[in-house]
Protein backbone atom coordinates (compact mmCIF):
# COMPACT_ATOMS: atom_id res chain seq x y z
CA MET A 1 119.19 113.30 107.50
CA LYS A 2 117.35 110.82 105.35
CA ARG A 3 113.93 109.69 104.16
CA LEU A 4 113.04 106.20 102.95
CA LEU A 5 110.37 105.90 100.27
CA GLY A 6 108.68 102.64 99.36
CA CYS A 7 107.74 102.17 95.70
CA PHE A 8 105.88 99.42 93.90
CA GLY A 9 105.52 98.77 90.19
CA PRO A 10 108.65 99.63 88.18
CA THR A 11 111.99 97.95 88.81
CA ALA A 12 114.79 99.63 90.71
CA PRO A 13 116.66 100.56 87.49
CA ALA A 14 113.47 102.07 86.06
CA VAL A 15 112.94 104.20 89.18
CA ARG A 16 116.57 105.28 89.10
CA ASN A 17 116.34 106.27 85.43
CA THR A 18 113.12 108.21 85.97
CA LEU A 19 114.68 110.26 88.74
CA SER A 20 117.93 110.76 86.82
CA ASP A 21 115.94 112.21 83.93
CA ALA A 22 113.93 114.51 86.21
CA SER A 23 114.79 118.00 87.42
CA SER A 24 117.81 118.34 89.66
CA LEU A 25 117.31 117.93 93.38
CA PRO A 26 118.27 120.73 95.76
CA ASP A 27 121.95 121.20 96.57
CA GLY A 28 123.15 118.76 99.19
CA VAL A 29 120.41 116.20 98.50
CA HIS A 30 121.26 112.84 96.98
CA PHE A 31 119.30 109.69 96.25
CA SER A 32 119.97 105.99 95.97
CA VAL A 33 117.65 103.22 94.81
CA ARG A 34 117.80 99.60 95.86
CA ASP A 35 115.77 96.52 95.19
CA SER A 36 113.82 95.37 98.26
CA PHE A 37 111.81 92.81 96.31
CA PRO A 38 108.96 92.81 95.67
CA THR A 39 109.15 96.56 96.31
CA VAL A 40 111.81 99.19 95.63
CA THR A 41 113.34 101.42 98.30
CA LEU A 42 114.40 104.96 97.47
CA GLU A 43 116.66 106.70 99.99
CA LEU A 44 116.91 110.48 100.04
CA THR A 45 119.73 112.03 102.07
CA GLY A 46 120.19 115.73 102.70
CA ASP A 47 122.09 118.23 104.79
CA THR A 48 119.01 120.11 105.98
CA ALA A 49 115.41 119.25 106.75
CA ASP A 50 114.11 121.98 104.44
CA ALA A 51 116.10 120.75 101.45
CA LEU A 52 115.01 117.20 102.15
CA GLU A 53 111.33 118.17 102.23
CA ILE A 54 111.67 120.05 98.94
CA ALA A 55 113.34 117.01 97.40
CA LEU A 56 110.63 114.73 98.79
CA ALA A 57 107.93 116.82 97.13
CA GLN A 58 109.84 116.75 93.82
CA VAL A 59 110.28 112.98 93.97
CA ARG A 60 106.63 112.37 94.78
CA GLU A 61 105.58 114.58 91.90
CA CYS A 62 107.93 112.69 89.60
CA LEU A 63 107.04 109.15 90.66
CA GLY A 64 103.35 109.67 91.40
CA SER A 65 101.24 106.71 92.45
CA ILE A 66 104.06 104.18 92.67
CA VAL A 67 105.14 105.73 96.01
CA PHE A 68 103.24 103.99 98.80
CA SER A 69 105.15 105.30 101.81
CA THR A 70 107.64 108.05 102.65
CA ASP A 71 108.79 106.85 106.05
CA GLY A 72 110.15 103.36 105.52
CA ARG A 73 106.92 101.48 106.14
CA THR A 74 106.24 98.27 104.22
CA MET A 75 103.25 97.89 101.96
CA GLU A 76 101.38 95.90 104.61
CA GLU A 77 102.15 98.48 107.30
CA CYS A 78 101.07 101.34 105.07
CA LEU A 79 97.84 99.59 104.07
CA GLY A 80 97.07 98.69 107.67
CA ASP A 81 97.57 102.27 108.85
CA LEU A 82 95.30 103.57 106.09
CA LEU A 83 92.55 101.12 107.05
CA ALA A 84 92.91 101.71 110.81
CA ALA A 85 92.75 105.49 110.37
CA ARG A 86 89.49 105.11 108.45
CA GLY A 87 88.00 102.50 110.77
CA GLU A 88 87.64 100.12 107.82
CA THR A 89 88.38 96.44 107.33
CA ILE A 90 89.80 94.05 104.76
CA SER A 91 89.36 90.40 103.86
CA ALA A 92 90.91 88.32 101.10
CA ALA A 93 90.15 85.48 98.71
CA GLU A 94 93.38 83.78 97.70
CA SER A 95 94.14 81.15 95.13
CA CYS A 96 97.68 81.39 93.71
CA THR A 97 99.02 83.26 96.76
CA GLY A 98 97.96 80.45 99.09
CA GLY A 99 97.34 82.68 102.12
CA LEU A 100 100.36 84.95 101.65
CA VAL A 101 98.24 88.11 101.62
CA ALA A 102 96.84 87.11 105.00
CA HIS A 103 100.32 86.24 106.27
CA LEU A 104 101.76 89.62 105.30
CA LEU A 105 98.86 91.58 106.74
CA THR A 106 99.05 89.70 110.05
CA GLU A 107 102.81 90.23 110.33
CA VAL A 108 101.85 93.75 111.47
CA ALA A 109 101.12 94.05 115.18
CA GLY A 110 97.57 95.20 115.81
CA SER A 111 96.28 93.98 112.45
CA SER A 112 93.22 92.52 114.18
CA ARG A 113 91.84 96.08 114.10
CA TYR A 114 91.28 95.83 110.35
CA PHE A 115 92.00 92.32 109.03
CA LEU A 116 89.03 89.96 109.29
CA GLY A 117 90.21 86.86 107.46
CA SER A 118 91.17 85.13 104.23
CA ALA A 119 89.67 82.23 102.31
CA VAL A 120 92.33 80.17 100.53
CA THR A 121 90.21 78.75 97.72
CA TYR A 122 92.75 76.87 95.65
CA SER A 123 90.30 74.59 93.87
CA ASN A 124 87.41 75.60 91.67
CA ALA A 125 85.08 73.69 93.98
CA ALA A 126 86.22 75.82 96.92
CA LYS A 127 85.72 78.99 94.92
CA GLU A 128 82.15 77.92 94.24
CA SER A 129 81.20 76.60 97.68
CA LEU A 130 82.97 79.12 99.93
CA LEU A 131 82.85 82.29 97.84
CA GLY A 132 79.79 81.72 95.69
CA VAL A 133 81.61 81.95 92.37
CA ALA A 134 79.13 80.86 89.70
CA PRO A 135 80.17 77.53 88.11
CA GLN A 136 79.43 78.95 84.67
CA ILE A 137 82.10 81.63 85.13
CA LEU A 138 84.73 78.97 85.73
CA ILE A 139 83.47 76.94 82.77
CA ASP A 140 83.50 79.97 80.48
CA VAL A 141 86.78 81.66 81.42
CA GLY A 142 88.64 79.45 83.92
CA ALA A 143 90.18 80.24 87.27
CA VAL A 144 92.70 82.83 86.08
CA HIS A 145 90.47 85.55 84.72
CA GLU A 146 89.20 88.99 85.71
CA ARG A 147 85.60 87.76 85.96
CA THR A 148 86.65 84.99 88.33
CA VAL A 149 88.64 87.15 90.74
CA GLN A 150 85.92 89.77 90.72
CA ALA A 151 83.42 87.14 91.86
CA MET A 152 85.93 85.88 94.44
CA ALA A 153 86.44 89.35 95.90
CA VAL A 154 82.70 90.01 96.08
CA GLY A 155 82.23 86.66 97.80
CA ALA A 156 85.00 87.30 100.35
CA ARG A 157 83.66 90.75 101.18
CA ARG A 158 80.22 89.26 101.76
CA ALA A 159 81.45 86.23 103.71
CA PHE A 160 83.60 88.20 106.15
CA GLY A 161 81.50 91.35 106.31
CA ALA A 162 84.53 93.48 105.47
CA THR A 163 84.62 96.96 104.01
CA TYR A 164 86.95 95.72 101.28
CA ALA A 165 88.16 92.43 99.86
CA VAL A 166 91.01 91.61 97.51
CA ALA A 167 91.31 88.44 95.45
CA THR A 168 94.15 86.65 93.65
CA SER A 169 94.24 83.95 90.99
CA GLY A 170 97.27 83.41 88.80
CA ILE A 171 99.98 81.15 87.47
CA ALA A 172 102.93 81.00 89.85
CA GLY A 173 104.70 78.21 87.95
CA PRO A 174 106.87 76.52 87.13
CA ASP A 175 104.15 74.69 85.16
CA GLY A 176 100.66 75.66 84.08
CA GLY A 177 101.48 78.54 81.75
CA SER A 178 100.33 78.97 78.18
CA ASP A 179 100.81 81.45 75.35
CA ALA A 180 97.68 83.30 76.49
CA LYS A 181 98.48 83.06 80.19
CA PRO A 182 102.23 82.59 80.75
CA VAL A 183 103.77 81.91 84.12
CA GLY A 184 103.83 85.23 85.96
CA THR A 185 100.27 86.12 84.97
CA VAL A 186 97.95 87.08 87.82
CA CYS A 187 94.40 88.37 87.96
CA LEU A 188 93.57 90.62 90.92
CA ALA A 189 90.34 92.15 92.14
CA LEU A 190 89.19 94.70 94.67
CA ALA A 191 85.63 94.70 95.98
CA ALA A 192 84.74 98.02 97.62
CA PRO A 193 81.41 99.35 98.90
CA HIS A 194 80.49 101.07 95.66
CA LYS A 195 82.78 99.56 93.04
CA THR A 196 84.55 96.40 91.98
CA VAL A 197 87.78 96.48 90.01
CA ALA A 198 89.53 93.54 88.35
CA VAL A 199 92.87 93.68 86.54
CA ARG A 200 95.34 91.35 84.90
CA ARG A 201 99.08 91.76 85.42
CA CYS A 202 101.76 89.93 83.44
CA PHE A 203 105.01 89.92 85.40
CA SER A 204 108.28 88.36 84.32
CA ASP A 205 108.59 84.83 85.69
CA MET A 206 110.94 85.00 88.69
CA GLY A 207 110.30 81.54 90.10
CA ARG A 208 107.36 80.26 92.10
CA GLN A 209 108.14 81.78 95.50
CA SER A 210 109.04 85.19 94.08
CA ASN A 211 105.99 85.17 91.83
CA LYS A 212 103.73 84.51 94.81
CA ALA A 213 105.35 87.31 96.80
CA LEU A 214 104.91 89.71 93.89
CA PHE A 215 101.26 88.70 93.40
CA ALA A 216 100.47 89.20 97.09
CA VAL A 217 101.94 92.69 97.26
CA ALA A 218 100.23 93.60 93.98
CA ALA A 219 96.89 92.62 95.56
CA MET A 220 97.50 94.84 98.57
CA ASP A 221 98.65 97.64 96.29
CA LEU A 222 95.31 97.54 94.50
CA LEU A 223 93.57 98.60 97.72
CA ARG A 224 96.37 100.95 98.74
CA ARG A 225 95.99 102.88 95.51
CA HIS A 226 92.24 103.14 96.04
CA LEU A 227 92.65 104.44 99.60
CA GLN A 228 95.28 107.00 98.59
CA GLY A 229 93.07 108.40 95.85
CA PHE A 230 94.71 106.80 92.82
CA ASP A 231 93.07 104.72 90.13
CA PRO A 232 93.37 101.16 91.48
CA ALA A 233 93.44 99.76 87.96
CA GLY A 234 96.26 102.15 87.00
CA PHE A 235 99.77 100.80 87.17
CA SER A 236 102.78 103.02 86.44
């Protein structure tokens, strides 16, 4: 018997070390951790269903909010199921991810139940005209900033009439980085009915395509955390 857990945030070695340092699992239960970039997959195997469920509870307690699924679902599948169960919808405003958030969400069959659309606003002019980002924000802080993505998310939520919107703006590389904003930096925002959250993440530069994939999943994880009752701005 086995259970597959999806995790996002720490690397596979970090997840493995955390579990190795935790309390022992029940007899007959073993775990393995593998990189399934940009997420991490944790496999629990056990001789009995009861032992496996006890181990699952221990692992979830240990890893907390980084666990997004316990049945092998991807981040986009998990997020879609959460939205569909609540009868809620999502839209996106994408800059550095170039439509990848929309692509991932629509890879899931039936995503039309909850995904309304994405605005790929790569230029500042598009951010202003399509999303209503105030020109002064871009003058004051630039495209890669918490204030900018917050305005983008609010604009996407309004434009599509969605329950939620996520926004991305970052530096995917290989050029464009600076000491203040190195390649691998991304600003993400979530616009919800009664709150707006914007965060900055600084990931290790893994190359343009990998950076974009990481940014896109991080944007979805922002909403996933909110829907599962965790602090969306928290990041273990």
